[in-house]
Structures are given as structure tokens and as C-alpha cells.
């Protein structure tokens, strides 16, 4: 039964489908979530600010990043390339995982001790 169900689904729902690349790229460009991929390159605080501005004013995250000269169009395209989004990225250069991790934390100073807390 499972084999027949998979074959039926493949034949009736998947076979012959094509990707509308233009629509896909527009959807990605307009998505606020892309700020996650750009965060290591522009910094956490800039990413949060840009995301909030995109939600409030409705321009794309990538347009805002370009307008504020945080990254150029070519750099954004390189970062957003599928191979960099789906595997280890060589675009981080000398940035270590620990540095990326620290960009998502804050320090609370309560006297003598410092405590690191997650957002």
C-alpha cells in the first residue's frame, strides 16, 4: 500500500512540476527571515534593527542592508547563494563559531560576577 501511495503521489502531485525561479527569488528577497543568514555578516544588532524596520515599513531586508551600506549587492548575492545557505559557508572568513555565538548573547553585570544570558 505504501509503495502504491508513494507512486500515486509522485505521478499526480510531483511529476511535471517546475520551479518558478522568478517567483522563488522574489519571495526570498521579500522575506524578513533572510536576515538570519545575513546576521553573521552585518552583526546581530544591525540584523534586529533591519528586520524590525522591514516589518514596520515593508521594504525588503536586502534593500535596507544595501541602502545602509552594510553590504553590497554582490556580497548579499554571494551570501544568499544556495550552497552557502545549505552547508558550511566559506564567506565567514576568519569569523569563528564562538564569535557568531557571542553575537547572539548579552552580558549582565550584577556586581562582581558577569552572567551570560541568551536572548
PDB file of N, CA and C in Angstrom:
ATOM      1  N   UNK A   1       0.822  -1.197   0.000  1.00  0.00           N
ATOM      2  CA  UNK A   1       0.000   0.000   0.000  1.00  0.00           C
ATOM      3  C   UNK A   1       0.863   1.258   0.000  1.00  0.00           C
ATOM      4  N   UNK A   2       1.910   1.247   0.830  1.00  0.00           N
ATOM      5  CA  UNK A   2       2.773   2.421   0.913  1.00  0.00           C
ATOM      6  C   UNK A   2       3.457   2.687  -0.435  1.00  0.00           C
ATOM      7  N   UNK A   3       3.924   1.635  -1.088  1.00  0.00           N
ATOM      8  CA  UNK A   3       4.566   1.791  -2.392  1.00  0.00           C
ATOM      9  C   UNK A   3       3.599   2.397  -3.390  1.00  0.00           C
ATOM     10  N   UNK A   4       2.376   1.914  -3.411  1.00  0.00           N
ATOM     11  CA  UNK A   4       1.367   2.456  -4.327  1.00  0.00           C
ATOM     12  C   UNK A   4       1.044   3.909  -3.995  1.00  0.00           C
ATOM     13  N   UNK A   5       0.953   4.234  -2.707  1.00  0.00           N
ATOM     14  CA  UNK A   5       0.663   5.611  -2.294  1.00  0.00           C
ATOM     15  C   UNK A   5       1.776   6.561  -2.733  1.00  0.00           C
ATOM     16  N   UNK A   6       3.009   6.124  -2.567  1.00  0.00           N
ATOM     17  CA  UNK A   6       4.145   6.965  -2.976  1.00  0.00           C
ATOM     18  C   UNK A   6       4.137   7.160  -4.486  1.00  0.00           C
ATOM     19  N   UNK A   7       3.902   6.087  -5.232  1.00  0.00           N
ATOM     20  CA  UNK A   7       3.869   6.181  -6.691  1.00  0.00           C
ATOM     21  C   UNK A   7       2.737   7.101  -7.146  1.00  0.00           C
ATOM     22  N   UNK A   8       1.556   6.936  -6.573  1.00  0.00           N
ATOM     23  CA  UNK A   8       0.411   7.765  -6.919  1.00  0.00           C
ATOM     24  C   UNK A   8       0.694   9.241  -6.623  1.00  0.00           C
ATOM     25  N   UNK A   9       1.248   9.493  -5.455  1.00  0.00           N
ATOM     26  CA  UNK A   9       1.580  10.888  -5.084  1.00  0.00           C
ATOM     27  C   UNK A   9       2.610  11.470  -6.044  1.00  0.00           C
ATOM     28  N   UNK A  10       3.622  10.696  -6.362  1.00  0.00           N
ATOM     29  CA  UNK A  10       4.651  11.147  -7.290  1.00  0.00           C
ATOM     30  C   UNK A  10       4.041  11.458  -8.650  1.00  0.00           C
ATOM     31  N   UNK A  11       3.233  10.546  -9.163  1.00  0.00           N
ATOM     32  CA  UNK A  11       2.649  10.719 -10.500  1.00  0.00           C
ATOM     33  C   UNK A  11       1.682  11.895 -10.562  1.00  0.00           C
ATOM     34  N   UNK A  12       0.869  12.076  -9.534  1.00  0.00           N
ATOM     35  CA  UNK A  12      -0.198  13.080  -9.591  1.00  0.00           C
ATOM     36  C   UNK A  12       0.158  14.431  -8.969  1.00  0.00           C
ATOM     37  N   UNK A  13       1.175  14.456  -8.109  1.00  0.00           N
ATOM     38  CA  UNK A  13       1.467  15.704  -7.384  1.00  0.00           C
ATOM     39  C   UNK A  13       2.855  16.269  -7.641  1.00  0.00           C
ATOM     40  N   UNK A  14       3.793  15.434  -8.050  1.00  0.00           N
ATOM     41  CA  UNK A  14       5.176  15.907  -8.142  1.00  0.00           C
ATOM     42  C   UNK A  14       5.682  15.930  -9.576  1.00  0.00           C
ATOM     43  N   UNK A  15       5.444  14.837 -10.311  1.00  0.00           N
ATOM     44  CA  UNK A  15       5.955  14.731 -11.684  1.00  0.00           C
ATOM     45  C   UNK A  15       5.439  15.887 -12.535  1.00  0.00           C
ATOM     46  N   UNK A  16       6.329  16.491 -13.267  1.00  0.00           N
ATOM     47  CA  UNK A  16       5.962  17.585 -14.163  1.00  0.00           C
ATOM     48  C   UNK A  16       6.000  18.959 -13.543  1.00  0.00           C
ATOM     49  N   UNK A  17       6.166  19.038 -12.229  1.00  0.00           N
ATOM     50  CA  UNK A  17       6.259  20.351 -11.588  1.00  0.00           C
ATOM     51  C   UNK A  17       7.573  21.025 -11.964  1.00  0.00           C
ATOM     52  N   UNK A  18       7.521  22.308 -12.135  1.00  0.00           N
ATOM     53  CA  UNK A  18       8.734  23.079 -12.402  1.00  0.00           C
ATOM     54  C   UNK A  18       8.813  24.232 -11.409  1.00  0.00           C
ATOM     55  N   UNK A  19       9.997  24.716 -11.222  1.00  0.00           N
ATOM     56  CA  UNK A  19      10.221  25.825 -10.302  1.00  0.00           C
ATOM     57  C   UNK A  19      10.036  27.136 -11.041  1.00  0.00           C
ATOM     58  N   UNK A  20       9.270  28.018 -10.457  1.00  0.00           N
ATOM     59  CA  UNK A  20       9.138  29.368 -10.989  1.00  0.00           C
ATOM     60  C   UNK A  20      10.232  30.193 -10.317  1.00  0.00           C
ATOM     61  N   UNK A  21      11.410  30.177 -10.918  1.00  0.00           N
ATOM     62  CA  UNK A  21      12.594  30.795 -10.318  1.00  0.00           C
ATOM     63  C   UNK A  21      12.375  32.266  -9.982  1.00  0.00           C
ATOM     64  N   UNK A  22      11.730  32.988 -10.851  1.00  0.00           N
ATOM     65  CA  UNK A  22      11.495  34.420 -10.622  1.00  0.00           C
ATOM     66  C   UNK A  22      10.649  34.639  -9.367  1.00  0.00           C
ATOM     67  N   UNK A  23       9.581  33.863  -9.234  1.00  0.00           N
ATOM     68  CA  UNK A  23       8.716  33.969  -8.050  1.00  0.00           C
ATOM     69  C   UNK A  23       9.471  33.556  -6.791  1.00  0.00           C
ATOM     70  N   UNK A  24      10.241  32.475  -6.888  1.00  0.00           N
ATOM     71  CA  UNK A  24      11.024  31.994  -5.759  1.00  0.00           C
ATOM     72  C   UNK A  24      12.006  33.062  -5.281  1.00  0.00           C
ATOM     73  N   UNK A  25      12.748  33.665  -6.211  1.00  0.00           N
ATOM     74  CA  UNK A  25      13.735  34.682  -5.844  1.00  0.00           C
ATOM     75  C   UNK A  25      13.066  35.912  -5.243  1.00  0.00           C
ATOM     76  N   UNK A  26      11.902  36.283  -5.773  1.00  0.00           N
ATOM     77  CA  UNK A  26      11.175  37.420  -5.224  1.00  0.00           C
ATOM     78  C   UNK A  26      10.687  37.119  -3.805  1.00  0.00           C
ATOM     79  N   UNK A  27      10.201  35.916  -3.592  1.00  0.00           N
ATOM     80  CA  UNK A  27       9.730  35.521  -2.264  1.00  0.00           C
ATOM     81  C   UNK A  27      10.861  35.552  -1.252  1.00  0.00           C
ATOM     82  N   UNK A  28      12.024  35.042  -1.634  1.00  0.00           N
ATOM     83  CA  UNK A  28      13.180  35.065  -0.742  1.00  0.00           C
ATOM     84  C   UNK A  28      13.593  36.507  -0.470  1.00  0.00           C
ATOM     85  N   UNK A  29      13.657  37.324  -1.511  1.00  0.00           N
ATOM     86  CA  UNK A  29      14.084  38.720  -1.362  1.00  0.00           C
ATOM     87  C   UNK A  29      13.151  39.493  -0.429  1.00  0.00           C
ATOM     88  N   UNK A  30      11.871  39.184  -0.453  1.00  0.00           N
ATOM     89  CA  UNK A  30      10.894  39.914   0.357  1.00  0.00           C
ATOM     90  C   UNK A  30      10.733  39.333   1.762  1.00  0.00           C
ATOM     91  N   UNK A  31      11.362  38.221   2.034  1.00  0.00           N
ATOM     92  CA  UNK A  31      11.225  37.561   3.325  1.00  0.00           C
ATOM     93  C   UNK A  31      12.092  38.237   4.388  1.00  0.00           C
ATOM     94  N   UNK A  32      11.509  38.498   5.529  1.00  0.00           N
ATOM     95  CA  UNK A  32      12.261  39.086   6.644  1.00  0.00           C
ATOM     96  C   UNK A  32      13.224  38.050   7.227  1.00  0.00           C
ATOM     97  N   UNK A  33      12.893  36.782   7.098  1.00  0.00           N
ATOM     98  CA  UNK A  33      13.697  35.719   7.687  1.00  0.00           C
ATOM     99  C   UNK A  33      15.111  35.627   7.111  1.00  0.00           C
ATOM    100  N   UNK A  34      15.342  36.202   5.921  1.00  0.00           N
ATOM    101  CA  UNK A  34      16.681  36.133   5.329  1.00  0.00           C
ATOM    102  C   UNK A  34      17.709  36.859   6.186  1.00  0.00           C
ATOM    103  N   UNK A  35      17.252  37.694   7.083  1.00  0.00           N
ATOM    104  CA  UNK A  35      18.173  38.413   7.960  1.00  0.00           C
ATOM    105  C   UNK A  35      18.996  37.435   8.804  1.00  0.00           C
ATOM    106  N   UNK A  36      18.456  36.251   9.040  1.00  0.00           N
ATOM    107  CA  UNK A  36      19.179  35.231   9.807  1.00  0.00           C
ATOM    108  C   UNK A  36      20.477  34.849   9.101  1.00  0.00           C
ATOM    109  N   UNK A  37      20.419  34.665   7.799  1.00  0.00           N
ATOM    110  CA  UNK A  37      21.618  34.298   7.033  1.00  0.00           C
ATOM    111  C   UNK A  37      22.603  35.457   6.941  1.00  0.00           C
ATOM    112  N   UNK A  38      22.099  36.666   7.005  1.00  0.00           N
ATOM    113  CA  UNK A  38      22.951  37.848   6.861  1.00  0.00           C
ATOM    114  C   UNK A  38      23.510  38.338   8.193  1.00  0.00           C
ATOM    115  N   UNK A  39      22.935  37.887   9.286  1.00  0.00           N
ATOM    116  CA  UNK A  39      23.323  38.334  10.616  1.00  0.00           C
ATOM    117  C   UNK A  39      24.816  38.190  10.917  1.00  0.00           C
ATOM    118  N   UNK A  40      25.456  37.061  10.601  1.00  0.00           N
ATOM    119  CA  UNK A  40      26.892  36.953  10.893  1.00  0.00           C
ATOM    120  C   UNK A  40      27.742  37.974  10.142  1.00  0.00           C
ATOM    121  N   UNK A  41      27.197  38.515   9.073  1.00  0.00           N
ATOM    122  CA  UNK A  41      27.947  39.446   8.226  1.00  0.00           C
ATOM    123  C   UNK A  41      27.676  40.912   8.573  1.00  0.00           C
ATOM    124  N   UNK A  42      26.515  41.190   9.155  1.00  0.00           N
ATOM    125  CA  UNK A  42      26.168  42.579   9.483  1.00  0.00           C
ATOM    126  C   UNK A  42      26.086  42.810  10.986  1.00  0.00           C
ATOM    127  N   UNK A  43      26.141  41.743  11.768  1.00  0.00           N
ATOM    128  CA  UNK A  43      26.052  41.858  13.224  1.00  0.00           C
ATOM    129  C   UNK A  43      24.629  41.700  13.714  1.00  0.00           C
ATOM    130  N   UNK A  44      24.516  41.165  14.889  1.00  0.00           N
ATOM    131  CA  UNK A  44      23.206  40.857  15.467  1.00  0.00           C
ATOM    132  C   UNK A  44      22.350  42.110  15.656  1.00  0.00           C
ATOM    133  N   UNK A  45      22.928  43.162  16.210  1.00  0.00           N
ATOM    134  CA  UNK A  45      22.142  44.376  16.468  1.00  0.00           C
ATOM    135  C   UNK A  45      21.628  44.998  15.179  1.00  0.00           C
ATOM    136  N   UNK A  46      22.474  45.036  14.140  1.00  0.00           N
ATOM    137  CA  UNK A  46      22.016  45.536  12.842  1.00  0.00           C
ATOM    138  C   UNK A  46      20.922  44.644  12.272  1.00  0.00           C
ATOM    139  N   UNK A  47      21.075  43.345  12.420  1.00  0.00           N
ATOM    140  CA  UNK A  47      20.088  42.402  11.898  1.00  0.00           C
ATOM    141  C   UNK A  47      18.722  42.619  12.552  1.00  0.00           C
ATOM    142  N   UNK A  48      18.713  42.778  13.864  1.00  0.00           N
ATOM    143  CA  UNK A  48      17.455  43.001  14.581  1.00  0.00           C
ATOM    144  C   UNK A  48      16.825  44.321  14.131  1.00  0.00           C
ATOM    145  N   UNK A  49      17.638  45.354  14.044  1.00  0.00           N
ATOM    146  CA  UNK A  49      17.134  46.675  13.634  1.00  0.00           C
ATOM    147  C   UNK A  49      16.567  46.638  12.215  1.00  0.00           C
ATOM    148  N   UNK A  50      17.299  45.990  11.313  1.00  0.00           N
ATOM    149  CA  UNK A  50      16.868  45.890   9.916  1.00  0.00           C
ATOM    150  C   UNK A  50      15.577  45.081   9.813  1.00  0.00           C
ATOM    151  N   UNK A  51      15.498  43.972  10.535  1.00  0.00           N
ATOM    152  CA  UNK A  51      14.298  43.135  10.495  1.00  0.00           C
ATOM    153  C   UNK A  51      13.081  43.921  10.990  1.00  0.00           C
ATOM    154  N   UNK A  52      13.254  44.639  12.079  1.00  0.00           N
ATOM    155  CA  UNK A  52      12.141  45.425  12.622  1.00  0.00           C
ATOM    156  C   UNK A  52      11.713  46.517  11.644  1.00  0.00           C
ATOM    157  N   UNK A  53      12.685  47.166  11.023  1.00  0.00           N
ATOM    158  CA  UNK A  53      12.373  48.210  10.052  1.00  0.00           C
ATOM    159  C   UNK A  53      11.644  47.622   8.840  1.00  0.00           C
ATOM    160  N   UNK A  54      12.062  46.445   8.404  1.00  0.00           N
ATOM    161  CA  UNK A  54      11.404  45.782   7.273  1.00  0.00           C
ATOM    162  C   UNK A  54       9.964  45.425   7.624  1.00  0.00           C
ATOM    163  N   UNK A  55       9.742  44.968   8.849  1.00  0.00           N
ATOM    164  CA  UNK A  55       8.384  44.643   9.275  1.00  0.00           C
ATOM    165  C   UNK A  55       7.515  45.887   9.390  1.00  0.00           C
ATOM    166  N   UNK A  56       8.089  46.972   9.901  1.00  0.00           N
ATOM    167  CA  UNK A  56       7.329  48.202  10.107  1.00  0.00           C
ATOM    168  C   UNK A  56       7.039  48.958   8.809  1.00  0.00           C
ATOM    169  N   UNK A  57       8.039  49.018   7.922  1.00  0.00           N
ATOM    170  CA  UNK A  57       7.935  49.876   6.741  1.00  0.00           C
ATOM    171  C   UNK A  57       7.759  49.115   5.434  1.00  0.00           C
ATOM    172  N   UNK A  58       7.954  47.804   5.454  1.00  0.00           N
ATOM    173  CA  UNK A  58       7.737  46.902   4.339  1.00  0.00           C
ATOM    174  C   UNK A  58       8.762  46.916   3.195  1.00  0.00           C
ATOM    175  N   UNK A  59       9.926  47.538   3.301  1.00  0.00           N
ATOM    176  CA  UNK A  59      10.931  47.312   2.253  1.00  0.00           C
ATOM    177  C   UNK A  59      11.592  45.957   2.496  1.00  0.00           C
ATOM    178  N   UNK A  60      12.324  45.457   1.523  1.00  0.00           N
ATOM    179  CA  UNK A  60      12.983  44.167   1.723  1.00  0.00           C
ATOM    180  C   UNK A  60      14.216  44.341   2.612  1.00  0.00           C
ATOM    181  N   UNK A  61      14.550  43.292   3.327  1.00  0.00           N
ATOM    182  CA  UNK A  61      15.733  43.274   4.183  1.00  0.00           C
ATOM    183  C   UNK A  61      16.976  43.573   3.351  1.00  0.00           C
ATOM    184  N   UNK A  62      17.067  42.938   2.204  1.00  0.00           N
ATOM    185  CA  UNK A  62      18.254  43.121   1.363  1.00  0.00           C
ATOM    186  C   UNK A  62      18.367  44.557   0.863  1.00  0.00           C
ATOM    187  N   UNK A  63      17.249  45.169   0.503  1.00  0.00           N
ATOM    188  CA  UNK A  63      17.279  46.570   0.076  1.00  0.00           C
ATOM    189  C   UNK A  63      17.747  47.472   1.218  1.00  0.00           C
ATOM    190  N   UNK A  64      17.251  47.228   2.419  1.00  0.00           N
ATOM    191  CA  UNK A  64      17.655  48.037   3.571  1.00  0.00           C
ATOM    192  C   UNK A  64      19.149  47.884   3.857  1.00  0.00           C
ATOM    193  N   UNK A  65      19.655  46.668   3.764  1.00  0.00           N
ATOM    194  CA  UNK A  65      21.073  46.424   4.017  1.00  0.00           C
ATOM    195  C   UNK A  65      21.926  47.156   2.984  1.00  0.00           C
ATOM    196  N   UNK A  66      21.483  47.146   1.734  1.00  0.00           N
ATOM    197  CA  UNK A  66      22.207  47.881   0.690  1.00  0.00           C
ATOM    198  C   UNK A  66      22.119  49.391   0.927  1.00  0.00           C
ATOM    199  N   UNK A  67      20.933  49.885   1.255  1.00  0.00           N
ATOM    200  CA  UNK A  67      20.728  51.327   1.475  1.00  0.00           C
ATOM    201  C   UNK A  67      21.601  51.849   2.611  1.00  0.00           C
ATOM    202  N   UNK A  68      21.788  51.029   3.630  1.00  0.00           N
ATOM    203  CA  UNK A  68      22.588  51.450   4.783  1.00  0.00           C
ATOM    204  C   UNK A  68      24.065  51.109   4.615  1.00  0.00           C
ATOM    205  N   UNK A  69      24.435  50.652   3.434  1.00  0.00           N
ATOM    206  CA  UNK A  69      25.831  50.319   3.107  1.00  0.00           C
ATOM    207  C   UNK A  69      26.441  49.312   4.078  1.00  0.00           C
ATOM    208  N   UNK A  70      25.611  48.392   4.569  1.00  0.00           N
ATOM    209  CA  UNK A  70      26.133  47.341   5.436  1.00  0.00           C
ATOM    210  C   UNK A  70      26.790  46.248   4.600  1.00  0.00           C
ATOM    211  N   UNK A  71      26.222  45.962   3.434  1.00  0.00           N
ATOM    212  CA  UNK A  71      26.782  45.019   2.469  1.00  0.00           C
ATOM    213  C   UNK A  71      26.378  45.474   1.075  1.00  0.00           C
ATOM    214  N   UNK A  72      27.210  45.166   0.101  1.00  0.00           N
ATOM    215  CA  UNK A  72      26.877  45.476  -1.284  1.00  0.00           C
ATOM    216  C   UNK A  72      26.034  44.371  -1.901  1.00  0.00           C
ATOM    217  N   UNK A  73      25.446  44.659  -3.047  1.00  0.00           N
ATOM    218  CA  UNK A  73      24.562  43.714  -3.728  1.00  0.00           C
ATOM    219  C   UNK A  73      25.281  42.406  -4.069  1.00  0.00           C
ATOM    220  N   UNK A  74      26.514  42.501  -4.533  1.00  0.00           N
ATOM    221  CA  UNK A  74      27.262  41.290  -4.895  1.00  0.00           C
ATOM    222  C   UNK A  74      27.523  40.419  -3.669  1.00  0.00           C
ATOM    223  N   UNK A  75      27.869  41.043  -2.560  1.00  0.00           N
ATOM    224  CA  UNK A  75      28.135  40.296  -1.324  1.00  0.00           C
ATOM    225  C   UNK A  75      26.854  39.615  -0.832  1.00  0.00           C
ATOM    226  N   UNK A  76      25.741  40.326  -0.901  1.00  0.00           N
ATOM    227  CA  UNK A  76      24.457  39.744  -0.491  1.00  0.00           C
ATOM    228  C   UNK A  76      24.129  38.542  -1.370  1.00  0.00           C
ATOM    229  N   UNK A  77      24.316  38.693  -2.678  1.00  0.00           N
ATOM    230  CA  UNK A  77      24.048  37.576  -3.588  1.00  0.00           C
ATOM    231  C   UNK A  77      24.923  36.376  -3.269  1.00  0.00           C
ATOM    232  N   UNK A  78      26.185  36.619  -2.958  1.00  0.00           N
ATOM    233  CA  UNK A  78      27.089  35.521  -2.622  1.00  0.00           C
ATOM    234  C   UNK A  78      26.644  34.822  -1.345  1.00  0.00           C
ATOM    235  N   UNK A  79      26.263  35.597  -0.341  1.00  0.00           N
ATOM    236  CA  UNK A  79      25.813  35.019   0.926  1.00  0.00           C
ATOM    237  C   UNK A  79      24.528  34.222   0.726  1.00  0.00           C
ATOM    238  N   UNK A  80      23.623  34.736  -0.098  1.00  0.00           N
ATOM    239  CA  UNK A  80      22.326  34.111  -0.306  1.00  0.00           C
ATOM    240  C   UNK A  80      22.360  32.972  -1.318  1.00  0.00           C
ATOM    241  N   UNK A  81      23.524  32.674  -1.878  1.00  0.00           N
ATOM    242  CA  UNK A  81      23.627  31.558  -2.816  1.00  0.00           C
ATOM    243  C   UNK A  81      23.270  30.269  -2.081  1.00  0.00           C
ATOM    244  N   UNK A  82      22.516  29.403  -2.741  1.00  0.00           N
ATOM    245  CA  UNK A  82      22.003  28.185  -2.109  1.00  0.00           C
ATOM    246  C   UNK A  82      23.096  27.352  -1.445  1.00  0.00           C
ATOM    247  N   UNK A  83      24.268  27.254  -2.061  1.00  0.00           N
ATOM    248  CA  UNK A  83      25.330  26.428  -1.474  1.00  0.00           C
ATOM    249  C   UNK A  83      25.826  26.999  -0.151  1.00  0.00           C
ATOM    250  N   UNK A  84      25.750  28.306   0.027  1.00  0.00           N
ATOM    251  CA  UNK A  84      26.165  28.913   1.292  1.00  0.00           C
ATOM    252  C   UNK A  84      25.073  28.831   2.352  1.00  0.00           C
ATOM    253  N   UNK A  85      23.832  28.680   1.919  1.00  0.00           N
ATOM    254  CA  UNK A  85      22.723  28.590   2.872  1.00  0.00           C
ATOM    255  C   UNK A  85      22.469  27.166   3.337  1.00  0.00           C
ATOM    256  N   UNK A  86      22.978  26.193   2.592  1.00  0.00           N
ATOM    257  CA  UNK A  86      22.677  24.805   2.909  1.00  0.00           C
ATOM    258  C   UNK A  86      23.868  24.010   3.411  1.00  0.00           C
ATOM    259  N   UNK A  87      25.008  24.642   3.552  1.00  0.00           N
ATOM    260  CA  UNK A  87      26.188  23.938   4.034  1.00  0.00           C
ATOM    261  C   UNK A  87      27.143  24.912   4.698  1.00  0.00           C
ATOM    262  N   UNK A  88      28.314  24.419   5.084  1.00  0.00           N
ATOM    263  CA  UNK A  88      29.303  25.307   5.691  1.00  0.00           C
ATOM    264  C   UNK A  88      29.682  26.417   4.721  1.00  0.00           C
ATOM    265  N   UNK A  89      29.686  27.636   5.191  1.00  0.00           N
ATOM    266  CA  UNK A  89      29.966  28.771   4.328  1.00  0.00           C
ATOM    267  C   UNK A  89      31.421  29.190   4.431  1.00  0.00           C
ATOM    268  N   UNK A  90      32.023  29.427   3.294  1.00  0.00           N
ATOM    269  CA  UNK A  90      33.387  29.950   3.267  1.00  0.00           C
ATOM    270  C   UNK A  90      33.374  31.471   3.349  1.00  0.00           C
ATOM    271  N   UNK A  91      32.178  32.064   3.339  1.00  0.00           N
ATOM    272  CA  UNK A  91      32.062  33.522   3.335  1.00  0.00           C
ATOM    273  C   UNK A  91      32.319  34.156   4.689  1.00  0.00           C
ATOM    274  N   UNK A  92      32.333  33.350   5.738  1.00  0.00           N
ATOM    275  CA  UNK A  92      32.543  33.918   7.063  1.00  0.00           C
ATOM    276  C   UNK A  92      33.984  34.332   7.277  1.00  0.00           C
ATOM    277  N   UNK A  93      34.871  33.875   6.406  1.00  0.00           N
ATOM    278  CA  UNK A  93      36.266  34.261   6.517  1.00  0.00           C
ATOM    279  C   UNK A  93      36.849  33.809   7.832  1.00  0.00           C
ATOM    280  N   UNK A  94      37.356  34.750   8.602  1.00  0.00           N
ATOM    281  CA  UNK A  94      38.025  34.423   9.854  1.00  0.00           C
ATOM    282  C   UNK A  94      37.087  34.373  11.054  1.00  0.00           C
ATOM    283  N   UNK A  95      35.795  34.565  10.850  1.00  0.00           N
ATOM    284  CA  UNK A  95      34.849  34.540  11.955  1.00  0.00           C
ATOM    285  C   UNK A  95      34.706  33.104  12.444  1.00  0.00           C
ATOM    286  N   UNK A  96      34.826  32.920  13.738  1.00  0.00           N
ATOM    287  CA  UNK A  96      34.693  31.577  14.314  1.00  0.00           C
ATOM    288  C   UNK A  96      33.272  31.373  14.810  1.00  0.00           C
ATOM    289  N   UNK A  97      32.923  30.129  15.027  1.00  0.00           N
ATOM    290  CA  UNK A  97      31.594  29.810  15.545  1.00  0.00           C
ATOM    291  C   UNK A  97      31.383  30.497  16.889  1.00  0.00           C
ATOM    292  N   UNK A  98      32.425  30.574  17.710  1.00  0.00           N
ATOM    293  CA  UNK A  98      32.295  31.225  19.011  1.00  0.00           C
ATOM    294  C   UNK A  98      31.951  32.701  18.857  1.00  0.00           C
ATOM    295  N   UNK A  99      32.534  33.370  17.864  1.00  0.00           N
ATOM    296  CA  UNK A  99      32.226  34.781  17.647  1.00  0.00           C
ATOM    297  C   UNK A  99      30.788  34.967  17.195  1.00  0.00           C
ATOM    298  N   UNK A 100      30.303  34.068  16.341  1.00  0.00           N
ATOM    299  CA  UNK A 100      28.905  34.136  15.921  1.00  0.00           C
ATOM    300  C   UNK A 100      28.014  33.899  17.123  1.00  0.00           C
ATOM    301  N   UNK A 101      28.354  32.920  17.944  1.00  0.00           N
ATOM    302  CA  UNK A 101      27.586  32.605  19.133  1.00  0.00           C
ATOM    303  C   UNK A 101      27.524  33.803  20.073  1.00  0.00           C
ATOM    304  N   UNK A 102      28.660  34.486  20.255  1.00  0.00           N
ATOM    305  CA  UNK A 102      28.702  35.653  21.147  1.00  0.00           C
ATOM    306  C   UNK A 102      27.833  36.786  20.633  1.00  0.00           C
ATOM    307  N   UNK A 103      27.657  36.889  19.315  1.00  0.00           N
ATOM    308  CA  UNK A 103      26.856  37.981  18.783  1.00  0.00           C
ATOM    309  C   UNK A 103      25.385  37.806  19.146  1.00  0.00           C
ATOM    310  N   UNK A 104      24.998  36.612  19.621  1.00  0.00           N
ATOM    311  CA  UNK A 104      23.615  36.359  19.994  1.00  0.00           C
ATOM    312  C   UNK A 104      23.431  36.311  21.506  1.00  0.00           C
ATOM    313  N   UNK A 105      24.396  36.808  22.244  1.00  0.00           N
ATOM    314  CA  UNK A 105      24.300  36.784  23.693  1.00  0.00           C
ATOM    315  C   UNK A 105      24.454  38.200  24.245  1.00  0.00           C
ATOM    316  N   UNK A 106      24.140  38.359  25.482  1.00  0.00           N
ATOM    317  CA  UNK A 106      24.368  39.648  26.133  1.00  0.00           C
ATOM    318  C   UNK A 106      25.001  39.391  27.502  1.00  0.00           C
ATOM    319  N   UNK A 107      25.614  40.405  28.037  1.00  0.00           N
ATOM    320  CA  UNK A 107      26.278  40.285  29.329  1.00  0.00           C
ATOM    321  C   UNK A 107      25.517  41.133  30.339  1.00  0.00           C
ATOM    322  N   UNK A 108      25.197  40.519  31.463  1.00  0.00           N
ATOM    323  CA  UNK A 108      24.527  41.240  32.545  1.00  0.00           C
ATOM    324  C   UNK A 108      25.545  41.415  33.655  1.00  0.00           C
ATOM    325  N   UNK A 109      25.828  42.643  34.022  1.00  0.00           N
ATOM    326  CA  UNK A 109      26.803  42.920  35.069  1.00  0.00           C
ATOM    327  C   UNK A 109      26.041  43.216  36.355  1.00  0.00           C
ATOM    328  N   UNK A 110      26.119  42.259  37.279  1.00  0.00           N
ATOM    329  CA  UNK A 110      25.429  42.458  38.558  1.00  0.00           C
ATOM    330  C   UNK A 110      26.441  42.485  39.700  1.00  0.00           C
ATOM    331  N   UNK A 111      27.381  43.368  39.573  1.00  0.00           N
ATOM    332  CA  UNK A 111      28.405  43.499  40.609  1.00  0.00           C
ATOM    333  C   UNK A 111      29.687  42.830  40.190  1.00  0.00           C
ATOM    334  N   UNK A 112      30.135  41.870  41.019  1.00  0.00           N
ATOM    335  CA  UNK A 112      31.408  41.206  40.768  1.00  0.00           C
ATOM    336  C   UNK A 112      31.329  40.148  39.667  1.00  0.00           C
ATOM    337  N   UNK A 113      30.166  39.568  39.477  1.00  0.00           N
ATOM    338  CA  UNK A 113      30.058  38.457  38.531  1.00  0.00           C
ATOM    339  C   UNK A 113      29.396  38.919  37.245  1.00  0.00           C
ATOM    340  N   UNK A 114      29.806  38.317  36.154  1.00  0.00           N
ATOM    341  CA  UNK A 114      29.147  38.556  34.885  1.00  0.00           C
ATOM    342  C   UNK A 114      28.465  37.273  34.466  1.00  0.00           C
ATOM    343  N   UNK A 115      27.241  37.421  34.055  1.00  0.00           N
ATOM    344  CA  UNK A 115      26.474  36.250  33.656  1.00  0.00           C
ATOM    345  C   UNK A 115      26.075  36.425  32.206  1.00  0.00           C
ATOM    346  N   UNK A 116      26.345  35.410  31.416  1.00  0.00           N
ATOM    347  CA  UNK A 116      25.952  35.441  30.020  1.00  0.00           C
ATOM    348  C   UNK A 116      24.557  34.837  29.903  1.00  0.00           C
ATOM    349  N   UNK A 117      23.679  35.538  29.230  1.00  0.00           N
ATOM    350  CA  UNK A 117      22.325  35.033  29.043  1.00  0.00           C
ATOM    351  C   UNK A 117      21.932  35.049  27.591  1.00  0.00           C
ATOM    352  N   UNK A 118      21.141  34.107  27.191  1.00  0.00           N
ATOM    353  CA  UNK A 118      20.651  34.016  25.821  1.00  0.00           C
ATOM    354  C   UNK A 118      19.433  34.907  25.647  1.00  0.00           C
ATOM    355  N   UNK A 119      19.319  35.481  24.469  1.00  0.00           N
ATOM    356  CA  UNK A 119      18.111  36.254  24.113  1.00  0.00           C
ATOM    357  C   UNK A 119      16.987  35.298  23.901  1.00  0.00           C
TER     358      UNK A 119
END
